[in-house]
Amino acid sequence: MQPAMANGVAIPRWVGSSLAHACLLAGSLLMIGPFLWMLSTAFKSGTEIYEYPPRWLPSVWHWENFLEAWNTVPFGRFYLNSIVVTVIITFSQVCTAALAAYVFTRMRFPGRDLIFYLYLSTLMVPGQVTMLPLFLIMHRLGWINTYQGLTVPFLASVFATFFLRQFFATIPTDLEDAARVDGCGRLRFLWQIMLPLSRPALAAIALFLFLGHWDEYLWPLIITNSTDMRTLPIGLRFFVEEAKTQYQYMMAASLITVAPVIALFFAAQKQFIEGITLTGLKG
C-alpha cells in the first residue's frame, strides 16, 4: 500500500484512517446527543429541566417519573394497541411482499415488468393524497375507531416488495430448477428454500416496517376518536398541556416507547446489516 500524496508530500495511511474515524465519531456523538438529553431529562424534576445553564446529569435521579408517566394516562392500553397494530401490519406486509416478490422475480408472464413498474410507481404518490379516500372507505365500512381501520389499509407494502425482489434476484435459479426436478412446487420452494435463504433480508425489512408503523402518528390520529384506541405516538401528546408541558414525564414515556425498537434492533442487528448489504448486490 502506497501512502497518499498531498502537494508532493507523502501522507501515511493511518493519518487518513484516523481522520475518517474522528469524523465518524463526531457524527455519532452528534446523532446520539438528543437521545442522551432525552435520557437525562427523563430522570430530572420539573424545575430542574428549566435551569440555565442546563446540566446533563440530574442532581437527584427521579425514578418515579416512569411510574408517574405510566399511571398519568392509560399507557398500558396505548402499548397494547401499538403492539397489536404494528405486529399485524408487519407480519402481513412481510408475507404479502414475499409472495409478490417471488412472482415478480421467478414467474414469467406477459407484462410482468410493466406491472411491477406500475406497482413501484405508487411510491411516488404521497400518503396524504390517499388519506382522505381511505378515511371515507373506512367510514363507509364502519371501521372508524377499530383495529380493522388501523391495520387493513396497510396489509401490503410496495417498498417491502421491491426490497425482497432485489434480494430474491440474487438467489440462483439453478436451485429452483433442481427443486422442480425433484417435484417441489412453487409455494413449497418459496417456503422451504427461498425464505430460509432470505432471512437477513426478511429481518431487515421487518425491522424497517416495524419501526415505521410503531412511530405512525397521522393515520391513528385520524381513524381513532377514543382514548381506548389510541396508540403510543398519540398517547405522548397527553403530556402536553396548554399551561405547561410535563417534559420529564414525556421523556420517560418516550423512553418506554422506544425500548421495544431498540431491543428489536440489537436482537436482529447482524441479520439487519447483512440484509442491507446483500440486497444491493443486484438490481
C-alpha atoms as a PDB file:
ATOM      1  CA  MET A   1       0.000   0.000   0.000  1.00  0.00           C
ATOM      2  CA  GLN A   2       1.486   3.327  -1.107  1.00  0.00           C
ATOM      3  CA  PRO A   3       0.948   6.359   1.146  1.00  0.00           C
ATOM      4  CA  ALA A   4      -1.342   9.098  -0.142  1.00  0.00           C
ATOM      5  CA  MET A   5       0.225  12.209  -1.658  1.00  0.00           C
ATOM      6  CA  ALA A   6      -0.706  15.819  -0.881  1.00  0.00           C
ATOM      7  CA  ASN A   7       1.288  18.608  -2.634  1.00  0.00           C
ATOM      8  CA  GLY A   8       4.083  16.143  -3.237  1.00  0.00           C
ATOM      9  CA  VAL A   9       4.283  15.135   0.462  1.00  0.00           C
ATOM     10  CA  ALA A  10       3.595  11.525   1.404  1.00  0.00           C
ATOM     11  CA  ILE A  11       0.824  11.147   3.988  1.00  0.00           C
ATOM     12  CA  PRO A  12       0.768   7.902   5.973  1.00  0.00           C
ATOM     13  CA  ARG A  13      -2.345   5.800   5.600  1.00  0.00           C
ATOM     14  CA  TRP A  14      -3.002   5.857   9.327  1.00  0.00           C
ATOM     15  CA  VAL A  15      -3.470   9.638   9.230  1.00  0.00           C
ATOM     16  CA  GLY A  16      -6.323   9.409   6.733  1.00  0.00           C
ATOM     17  CA  SER A  17      -7.829   6.489   8.621  1.00  0.00           C
ATOM     18  CA  SER A  18      -7.639   8.407  11.914  1.00  0.00           C
ATOM     19  CA  LEU A  19      -9.306  11.460  10.371  1.00  0.00           C
ATOM     20  CA  ALA A  20     -12.092   9.309   8.946  1.00  0.00           C
ATOM     21  CA  HIS A  21     -12.676   7.653  12.306  1.00  0.00           C
ATOM     22  CA  ALA A  22     -12.626  11.027  14.055  1.00  0.00           C
ATOM     23  CA  CYS A  23     -15.282  12.379  11.672  1.00  0.00           C
ATOM     24  CA  LEU A  24     -17.411   9.271  12.172  1.00  0.00           C
ATOM     25  CA  LEU A  25     -17.064   9.566  15.947  1.00  0.00           C
ATOM     26  CA  ALA A  26     -18.057  13.242  15.858  1.00  0.00           C
ATOM     27  CA  GLY A  27     -21.061  12.401  13.690  1.00  0.00           C
ATOM     28  CA  SER A  28     -22.061   9.596  16.057  1.00  0.00           C
ATOM     29  CA  LEU A  29     -21.909  11.908  19.071  1.00  0.00           C
ATOM     30  CA  LEU A  30     -23.955  14.482  17.197  1.00  0.00           C
ATOM     31  CA  MET A  31     -26.617  11.890  16.364  1.00  0.00           C
ATOM     32  CA  ILE A  32     -26.790  10.353  19.840  1.00  0.00           C
ATOM     33  CA  GLY A  33     -26.809  13.722  21.612  1.00  0.00           C
ATOM     34  CA  PRO A  34     -30.614  14.253  21.515  1.00  0.00           C
ATOM     35  CA  PHE A  35     -31.196  10.710  22.785  1.00  0.00           C
ATOM     36  CA  LEU A  36     -28.810  11.260  25.710  1.00  0.00           C
ATOM     37  CA  TRP A  37     -30.572  14.531  26.521  1.00  0.00           C
ATOM     38  CA  MET A  38     -33.931  12.737  26.477  1.00  0.00           C
ATOM     39  CA  LEU A  39     -32.494  10.099  28.815  1.00  0.00           C
ATOM     40  CA  SER A  40     -31.213  12.773  31.180  1.00  0.00           C
ATOM     41  CA  THR A  41     -34.475  14.727  31.145  1.00  0.00           C
ATOM     42  CA  ALA A  42     -36.472  11.597  31.993  1.00  0.00           C
ATOM     43  CA  PHE A  43     -34.797  11.486  35.426  1.00  0.00           C
ATOM     44  CA  LYS A  44     -34.999  15.206  36.268  1.00  0.00           C
ATOM     45  CA  SER A  45     -37.527  17.110  38.320  1.00  0.00           C
ATOM     46  CA  GLY A  46     -39.938  19.574  36.748  1.00  0.00           C
ATOM     47  CA  THR A  47     -37.944  22.610  37.923  1.00  0.00           C
ATOM     48  CA  GLU A  48     -34.502  21.224  37.077  1.00  0.00           C
ATOM     49  CA  ILE A  49     -35.437  20.937  33.405  1.00  0.00           C
ATOM     50  CA  TYR A  50     -35.599  24.732  33.046  1.00  0.00           C
ATOM     51  CA  GLU A  51     -32.303  25.501  34.801  1.00  0.00           C
ATOM     52  CA  TYR A  52     -29.773  27.636  32.923  1.00  0.00           C
ATOM     53  CA  PRO A  53     -27.110  26.738  32.142  1.00  0.00           C
ATOM     54  CA  PRO A  54     -28.559  23.279  31.640  1.00  0.00           C
ATOM     55  CA  ARG A  55     -26.922  20.298  33.268  1.00  0.00           C
ATOM     56  CA  TRP A  56     -26.588  16.873  31.678  1.00  0.00           C
ATOM     57  CA  LEU A  57     -26.887  14.819  34.845  1.00  0.00           C
ATOM     58  CA  PRO A  58     -29.740  15.420  37.317  1.00  0.00           C
ATOM     59  CA  SER A  59     -28.826  16.286  40.892  1.00  0.00           C
ATOM     60  CA  VAL A  60     -31.389  13.729  42.105  1.00  0.00           C
ATOM     61  CA  TRP A  61     -32.444  10.786  39.968  1.00  0.00           C
ATOM     62  CA  HIS A  62     -36.244  10.701  39.899  1.00  0.00           C
ATOM     63  CA  TRP A  63     -37.043   7.096  39.009  1.00  0.00           C
ATOM     64  CA  GLU A  64     -40.664   7.705  39.924  1.00  0.00           C
ATOM     65  CA  ASN A  65     -41.079   9.698  36.695  1.00  0.00           C
ATOM     66  CA  PHE A  66     -41.523   6.429  34.792  1.00  0.00           C
ATOM     67  CA  LEU A  67     -44.228   5.162  37.134  1.00  0.00           C
ATOM     68  CA  GLU A  68     -45.938   8.544  37.072  1.00  0.00           C
ATOM     69  CA  ALA A  69     -45.846   8.647  33.272  1.00  0.00           C
ATOM     70  CA  TRP A  70     -47.318   5.152  33.104  1.00  0.00           C
ATOM     71  CA  ASN A  71     -50.153   5.980  35.518  1.00  0.00           C
ATOM     72  CA  THR A  72     -50.965   9.517  34.365  1.00  0.00           C
ATOM     73  CA  VAL A  73     -52.530   8.255  31.134  1.00  0.00           C
ATOM     74  CA  PRO A  74     -53.755   4.746  30.160  1.00  0.00           C
ATOM     75  CA  PHE A  75     -50.277   3.952  28.860  1.00  0.00           C
ATOM     76  CA  GLY A  76     -50.785   0.209  29.118  1.00  0.00           C
ATOM     77  CA  ARG A  77     -53.713   0.438  26.721  1.00  0.00           C
ATOM     78  CA  PHE A  78     -51.680   2.566  24.310  1.00  0.00           C
ATOM     79  CA  TYR A  79     -48.891  -0.003  24.465  1.00  0.00           C
ATOM     80  CA  LEU A  80     -51.271  -2.871  23.740  1.00  0.00           C
ATOM     81  CA  ASN A  81     -52.798  -1.032  20.788  1.00  0.00           C
ATOM     82  CA  SER A  82     -49.396  -0.252  19.284  1.00  0.00           C
ATOM     83  CA  ILE A  83     -48.202  -3.833  19.687  1.00  0.00           C
ATOM     84  CA  VAL A  84     -51.336  -5.319  18.125  1.00  0.00           C
ATOM     85  CA  VAL A  85     -51.418  -2.886  15.203  1.00  0.00           C
ATOM     86  CA  THR A  86     -47.674  -2.982  14.476  1.00  0.00           C
ATOM     87  CA  VAL A  87     -47.353  -6.771  14.692  1.00  0.00           C
ATOM     88  CA  ILE A  88     -50.375  -7.371  12.436  1.00  0.00           C
ATOM     89  CA  ILE A  89     -49.194  -4.874   9.814  1.00  0.00           C
ATOM     90  CA  THR A  90     -45.561  -6.015   9.884  1.00  0.00           C
ATOM     91  CA  PHE A  91     -46.421  -9.719   9.624  1.00  0.00           C
ATOM     92  CA  SER A  92     -48.941  -9.223   6.831  1.00  0.00           C
ATOM     93  CA  GLN A  93     -46.673  -6.908   4.842  1.00  0.00           C
ATOM     94  CA  VAL A  94     -43.751  -9.333   5.042  1.00  0.00           C
ATOM     95  CA  CYS A  95     -45.996 -12.210   3.908  1.00  0.00           C
ATOM     96  CA  THR A  96     -47.595 -10.347   1.003  1.00  0.00           C
ATOM     97  CA  ALA A  97     -44.257  -8.832  -0.016  1.00  0.00           C
ATOM     98  CA  ALA A  98     -42.582 -12.263  -0.085  1.00  0.00           C
ATOM     99  CA  LEU A  99     -45.326 -13.680  -2.315  1.00  0.00           C
ATOM    100  CA  ALA A 100     -45.341 -10.679  -4.654  1.00  0.00           C
ATOM    101  CA  ALA A 101     -41.541 -10.516  -4.817  1.00  0.00           C
ATOM    102  CA  TYR A 102     -41.394 -14.204  -5.752  1.00  0.00           C
ATOM    103  CA  VAL A 103     -43.927 -13.655  -8.544  1.00  0.00           C
ATOM    104  CA  PHE A 104     -42.067 -10.654  -9.948  1.00  0.00           C
ATOM    105  CA  THR A 105     -38.709 -12.447  -9.725  1.00  0.00           C
ATOM    106  CA  ARG A 106     -39.343 -16.058 -10.723  1.00  0.00           C
ATOM    107  CA  MET A 107     -42.622 -16.308 -12.624  1.00  0.00           C
ATOM    108  CA  ARG A 108     -42.734 -15.223 -16.264  1.00  0.00           C
ATOM    109  CA  PHE A 109     -45.911 -13.873 -17.816  1.00  0.00           C
ATOM    110  CA  PRO A 110     -46.784 -11.124 -20.327  1.00  0.00           C
ATOM    111  CA  GLY A 111     -46.490  -7.638 -18.890  1.00  0.00           C
ATOM    112  CA  ARG A 112     -44.700  -8.733 -15.726  1.00  0.00           C
ATOM    113  CA  ASP A 113     -42.129  -5.941 -15.761  1.00  0.00           C
ATOM    114  CA  LEU A 114     -44.737  -3.356 -16.762  1.00  0.00           C
ATOM    115  CA  ILE A 115     -46.993  -4.370 -13.890  1.00  0.00           C
ATOM    116  CA  PHE A 116     -44.063  -4.221 -11.474  1.00  0.00           C
ATOM    117  CA  TYR A 117     -43.054  -0.730 -12.624  1.00  0.00           C
ATOM    118  CA  LEU A 118     -46.640   0.470 -12.321  1.00  0.00           C
ATOM    119  CA  TYR A 119     -46.787  -1.070  -8.867  1.00  0.00           C
ATOM    120  CA  LEU A 120     -43.494   0.592  -7.970  1.00  0.00           C
ATOM    121  CA  SER A 121     -44.664   3.964  -9.290  1.00  0.00           C
ATOM    122  CA  THR A 122     -47.227   4.158  -6.470  1.00  0.00           C
ATOM    123  CA  LEU A 123     -44.309   5.016  -4.184  1.00  0.00           C
ATOM    124  CA  MET A 124     -44.322   8.460  -5.799  1.00  0.00           C
ATOM    125  CA  VAL A 125     -47.859   9.137  -4.536  1.00  0.00           C
ATOM    126  CA  PRO A 126     -47.715  10.917  -1.145  1.00  0.00           C
ATOM    127  CA  GLY A 127     -49.605   9.198   1.634  1.00  0.00           C
ATOM    128  CA  GLN A 128     -51.518  12.401   2.369  1.00  0.00           C
ATOM    129  CA  VAL A 129     -53.159  12.189  -1.071  1.00  0.00           C
ATOM    130  CA  THR A 130     -54.759   8.816  -0.348  1.00  0.00           C
ATOM    131  CA  MET A 131     -55.603   9.539   3.273  1.00  0.00           C
ATOM    132  CA  LEU A 132     -58.986  11.169   2.627  1.00  0.00           C
ATOM    133  CA  PRO A 133     -60.238   8.414   0.255  1.00  0.00           C
ATOM    134  CA  LEU A 134     -59.045   5.801   2.746  1.00  0.00           C
ATOM    135  CA  PHE A 135     -60.888   7.540   5.561  1.00  0.00           C
ATOM    136  CA  LEU A 136     -64.100   7.692   3.519  1.00  0.00           C
ATOM    137  CA  ILE A 137     -63.817   3.979   2.730  1.00  0.00           C
ATOM    138  CA  MET A 138     -63.239   3.143   6.394  1.00  0.00           C
ATOM    139  CA  HIS A 139     -66.218   5.295   7.353  1.00  0.00           C
ATOM    140  CA  ARG A 140     -68.437   3.556   4.798  1.00  0.00           C
ATOM    141  CA  LEU A 141     -67.352   0.147   6.138  1.00  0.00           C
ATOM    142  CA  GLY A 142     -67.946   1.209   9.738  1.00  0.00           C
ATOM    143  CA  TRP A 143     -64.303   0.702  10.688  1.00  0.00           C
ATOM    144  CA  ILE A 144     -63.708   4.071  12.347  1.00  0.00           C
ATOM    145  CA  ASN A 145     -62.096   3.617  15.775  1.00  0.00           C
ATOM    146  CA  THR A 146     -61.410  -0.107  15.205  1.00  0.00           C
ATOM    147  CA  TYR A 147     -58.388  -2.332  14.732  1.00  0.00           C
ATOM    148  CA  GLN A 148     -59.596  -3.043  11.196  1.00  0.00           C
ATOM    149  CA  GLY A 149     -59.367   0.634  10.339  1.00  0.00           C
ATOM    150  CA  LEU A 150     -55.880   0.839  11.818  1.00  0.00           C
ATOM    151  CA  THR A 151     -54.493  -2.218  10.009  1.00  0.00           C
ATOM    152  CA  VAL A 152     -56.403  -3.247   6.866  1.00  0.00           C
ATOM    153  CA  PRO A 153     -55.296  -0.292   4.646  1.00  0.00           C
ATOM    154  CA  PHE A 154     -51.655  -1.258   5.254  1.00  0.00           C
ATOM    155  CA  LEU A 155     -51.627  -5.039   4.797  1.00  0.00           C
ATOM    156  CA  ALA A 156     -49.346  -4.734   1.737  1.00  0.00           C
ATOM    157  CA  SER A 157     -46.226  -2.670   1.136  1.00  0.00           C
ATOM    158  CA  VAL A 158     -44.707  -1.638  -2.198  1.00  0.00           C
ATOM    159  CA  PHE A 159     -41.361  -0.850  -0.589  1.00  0.00           C
ATOM    160  CA  ALA A 160     -41.169  -4.271   1.089  1.00  0.00           C
ATOM    161  CA  THR A 161     -41.993  -5.959  -2.222  1.00  0.00           C
ATOM    162  CA  PHE A 162     -39.232  -4.043  -4.004  1.00  0.00           C
ATOM    163  CA  PHE A 163     -36.786  -4.751  -1.192  1.00  0.00           C
ATOM    164  CA  LEU A 164     -37.388  -8.516  -1.201  1.00  0.00           C
ATOM    165  CA  ARG A 165     -37.432  -8.649  -5.003  1.00  0.00           C
ATOM    166  CA  GLN A 166     -33.929  -7.223  -5.033  1.00  0.00           C
ATOM    167  CA  PHE A 167     -32.772  -9.952  -2.687  1.00  0.00           C
ATOM    168  CA  PHE A 168     -34.648 -12.784  -4.417  1.00  0.00           C
ATOM    169  CA  ALA A 169     -32.924 -11.813  -7.666  1.00  0.00           C
ATOM    170  CA  THR A 170     -29.556 -12.744  -6.118  1.00  0.00           C
ATOM    171  CA  ILE A 171     -30.628 -16.351  -5.415  1.00  0.00           C
ATOM    172  CA  PRO A 172     -29.502 -18.652  -8.273  1.00  0.00           C
ATOM    173  CA  THR A 173     -32.255 -20.039 -10.478  1.00  0.00           C
ATOM    174  CA  ASP A 174     -30.438 -23.373 -10.504  1.00  0.00           C
ATOM    175  CA  LEU A 175     -31.813 -24.050  -7.031  1.00  0.00           C
ATOM    176  CA  GLU A 176     -35.382 -23.750  -8.284  1.00  0.00           C
ATOM    177  CA  ASP A 177     -34.663 -25.883 -11.346  1.00  0.00           C
ATOM    178  CA  ALA A 178     -33.221 -28.632  -9.184  1.00  0.00           C
ATOM    179  CA  ALA A 179     -36.162 -28.409  -6.771  1.00  0.00           C
ATOM    180  CA  ARG A 180     -38.703 -28.645  -9.578  1.00  0.00           C
ATOM    181  CA  VAL A 181     -36.960 -31.727 -10.949  1.00  0.00           C
ATOM    182  CA  ASP A 182     -37.465 -33.307  -7.518  1.00  0.00           C
ATOM    183  CA  GLY A 183     -41.174 -32.454  -7.662  1.00  0.00           C
ATOM    184  CA  CYS A 184     -41.117 -29.332  -5.495  1.00  0.00           C
ATOM    185  CA  GLY A 185     -43.922 -26.863  -6.236  1.00  0.00           C
ATOM    186  CA  ARG A 186     -43.592 -23.100  -6.241  1.00  0.00           C
ATOM    187  CA  LEU A 187     -45.048 -22.474  -2.786  1.00  0.00           C
ATOM    188  CA  ARG A 188     -43.020 -25.271  -1.273  1.00  0.00           C
ATOM    189  CA  PHE A 189     -39.846 -23.916  -2.870  1.00  0.00           C
ATOM    190  CA  LEU A 190     -40.638 -20.455  -1.551  1.00  0.00           C
ATOM    191  CA  TRP A 191     -41.360 -21.714   1.967  1.00  0.00           C
ATOM    192  CA  GLN A 192     -38.616 -24.335   2.384  1.00  0.00           C
ATOM    193  CA  ILE A 193     -35.752 -22.924   0.298  1.00  0.00           C
ATOM    194  CA  MET A 194     -36.152 -19.289  -0.665  1.00  0.00           C
ATOM    195  CA  LEU A 195     -37.382 -17.845   2.620  1.00  0.00           C
ATOM    196  CA  PRO A 196     -34.725 -19.614   4.767  1.00  0.00           C
ATOM    197  CA  LEU A 197     -32.054 -18.256   2.421  1.00  0.00           C
ATOM    198  CA  SER A 198     -33.602 -14.787   2.714  1.00  0.00           C
ATOM    199  CA  ARG A 199     -33.559 -14.493   6.499  1.00  0.00           C
ATOM    200  CA  PRO A 200     -31.212 -11.463   6.518  1.00  0.00           C
ATOM    201  CA  ALA A 201     -33.450  -9.580   4.062  1.00  0.00           C
ATOM    202  CA  LEU A 202     -36.600 -10.615   5.928  1.00  0.00           C
ATOM    203  CA  ALA A 203     -35.124  -9.416   9.231  1.00  0.00           C
ATOM    204  CA  ALA A 204     -34.062  -6.108   7.675  1.00  0.00           C
ATOM    205  CA  ILE A 205     -37.408  -5.342   6.062  1.00  0.00           C
ATOM    206  CA  ALA A 206     -39.341  -6.486   9.136  1.00  0.00           C
ATOM    207  CA  LEU A 207     -37.333  -4.052  11.252  1.00  0.00           C
ATOM    208  CA  PHE A 208     -37.954  -1.234   8.767  1.00  0.00           C
ATOM    209  CA  LEU A 209     -41.688  -1.923   8.730  1.00  0.00           C
ATOM    210  CA  PHE A 210     -41.950  -2.353  12.494  1.00  0.00           C
ATOM    211  CA  LEU A 211     -40.172   0.932  13.139  1.00  0.00           C
ATOM    212  CA  GLY A 212     -42.226   2.821  10.564  1.00  0.00           C
ATOM    213  CA  HIS A 213     -45.606   1.699  11.883  1.00  0.00           C
ATOM    214  CA  TRP A 214     -44.601   1.819  15.543  1.00  0.00           C
ATOM    215  CA  ASP A 215     -43.956   5.557  15.082  1.00  0.00           C
ATOM    216  CA  GLU A 216     -47.010   6.208  12.873  1.00  0.00           C
ATOM    217  CA  TYR A 217     -48.905   9.261  14.128  1.00  0.00           C
ATOM    218  CA  LEU A 218     -51.151  10.809  11.494  1.00  0.00           C
ATOM    219  CA  TRP A 219     -53.353   7.868  10.451  1.00  0.00           C
ATOM    220  CA  PRO A 220     -54.105   6.623  14.016  1.00  0.00           C
ATOM    221  CA  LEU A 221     -54.927  10.210  14.944  1.00  0.00           C
ATOM    222  CA  ILE A 222     -57.454  10.437  12.100  1.00  0.00           C
ATOM    223  CA  ILE A 223     -59.030   6.993  12.294  1.00  0.00           C
ATOM    224  CA  THR A 224     -59.467   6.802  16.091  1.00  0.00           C
ATOM    225  CA  ASN A 225     -61.624   9.029  18.254  1.00  0.00           C
ATOM    226  CA  SER A 226     -61.499   7.407  21.698  1.00  0.00           C
ATOM    227  CA  THR A 227     -58.717   7.083  24.237  1.00  0.00           C
ATOM    228  CA  ASP A 228     -59.024   3.288  24.321  1.00  0.00           C
ATOM    229  CA  MET A 229     -57.967   3.007  20.658  1.00  0.00           C
ATOM    230  CA  ARG A 230     -55.078   5.471  20.708  1.00  0.00           C
ATOM    231  CA  THR A 231     -51.536   4.290  20.023  1.00  0.00           C
ATOM    232  CA  LEU A 232     -48.286   5.304  21.718  1.00  0.00           C
ATOM    233  CA  PRO A 233     -47.298   8.257  19.476  1.00  0.00           C
ATOM    234  CA  ILE A 234     -50.690   9.842  20.125  1.00  0.00           C
ATOM    235  CA  GLY A 235     -50.517   8.919  23.801  1.00  0.00           C
ATOM    236  CA  LEU A 236     -47.394  11.044  24.200  1.00  0.00           C
ATOM    237  CA  ARG A 237     -49.480  14.059  23.233  1.00  0.00           C
ATOM    238  CA  PHE A 238     -51.381  13.718  26.520  1.00  0.00           C
ATOM    239  CA  PHE A 239     -48.352  15.068  28.391  1.00  0.00           C
ATOM    240  CA  VAL A 240     -48.604  18.402  26.546  1.00  0.00           C
ATOM    241  CA  GLU A 241     -50.825  20.898  28.326  1.00  0.00           C
ATOM    242  CA  GLU A 242     -51.776  24.437  27.432  1.00  0.00           C
ATOM    243  CA  ALA A 243     -50.273  25.882  30.584  1.00  0.00           C
ATOM    244  CA  LYS A 244     -47.180  23.750  30.997  1.00  0.00           C
ATOM    245  CA  THR A 245     -45.712  20.738  29.221  1.00  0.00           C
ATOM    246  CA  GLN A 246     -44.623  17.917  31.553  1.00  0.00           C
ATOM    247  CA  TYR A 247     -41.314  17.255  29.862  1.00  0.00           C
ATOM    248  CA  GLN A 248     -39.967  14.881  32.492  1.00  0.00           C
ATOM    249  CA  TYR A 249     -42.978  12.587  32.091  1.00  0.00           C
ATOM    250  CA  MET A 250     -42.962  12.935  28.314  1.00  0.00           C
ATOM    251  CA  MET A 251     -39.295  11.934  28.105  1.00  0.00           C
ATOM    252  CA  ALA A 252     -39.853   8.996  30.464  1.00  0.00           C
ATOM    253  CA  ALA A 253     -42.797   7.864  28.349  1.00  0.00           C
ATOM    254  CA  SER A 254     -40.697   8.322  25.195  1.00  0.00           C
ATOM    255  CA  LEU A 255     -38.009   6.022  26.603  1.00  0.00           C
ATOM    256  CA  ILE A 256     -40.652   3.396  27.355  1.00  0.00           C
ATOM    257  CA  THR A 257     -41.932   3.829  23.800  1.00  0.00           C
ATOM    258  CA  VAL A 258     -38.589   3.383  22.032  1.00  0.00           C
ATOM    259  CA  ALA A 259     -37.450   0.481  24.245  1.00  0.00           C
ATOM    260  CA  PRO A 260     -39.010  -2.285  22.057  1.00  0.00           C
ATOM    261  CA  VAL A 261     -37.493  -0.808  18.890  1.00  0.00           C
ATOM    262  CA  ILE A 262     -34.010  -0.627  20.430  1.00  0.00           C
ATOM    263  CA  ALA A 263     -34.314  -4.171  21.792  1.00  0.00           C
ATOM    264  CA  LEU A 264     -35.513  -5.456  18.428  1.00  0.00           C
ATOM    265  CA  PHE A 265     -32.656  -3.772  16.580  1.00  0.00           C
ATOM    266  CA  PHE A 266     -29.971  -5.213  18.849  1.00  0.00           C
ATOM    267  CA  ALA A 267     -31.587  -8.656  18.646  1.00  0.00           C
ATOM    268  CA  ALA A 268     -31.604  -8.583  14.828  1.00  0.00           C
ATOM    269  CA  GLN A 269     -28.555  -6.369  14.306  1.00  0.00           C
ATOM    270  CA  LYS A 270     -26.457  -8.978  12.497  1.00  0.00           C
ATOM    271  CA  GLN A 271     -29.267 -10.027  10.142  1.00  0.00           C
ATOM    272  CA  PHE A 272     -30.252  -6.399   9.560  1.00  0.00           C
ATOM    273  CA  ILE A 273     -26.777  -5.308   8.450  1.00  0.00           C
ATOM    274  CA  GLU A 274     -26.310  -8.434   6.357  1.00  0.00           C
ATOM    275  CA  GLY A 275     -29.685  -7.958   4.684  1.00  0.00           C
ATOM    276  CA  ILE A 276     -28.989  -4.320   3.819  1.00  0.00           C
ATOM    277  CA  THR A 277     -25.584  -5.297   2.379  1.00  0.00           C
ATOM    278  CA  LEU A 278     -26.730  -8.231   0.291  1.00  0.00           C
ATOM    279  CA  THR A 279     -29.880  -6.607  -1.061  1.00  0.00           C
ATOM    280  CA  GLY A 280     -27.862  -4.074  -3.057  1.00  0.00           C
ATOM    281  CA  LEU A 281     -25.795  -6.645  -4.928  1.00  0.00           C
ATOM    282  CA  LYS A 282     -28.129  -6.967  -7.916  1.00  0.00           C
ATOM    283  CA  GLY A 283     -30.742  -4.667  -9.428  1.00  0.00           C
END
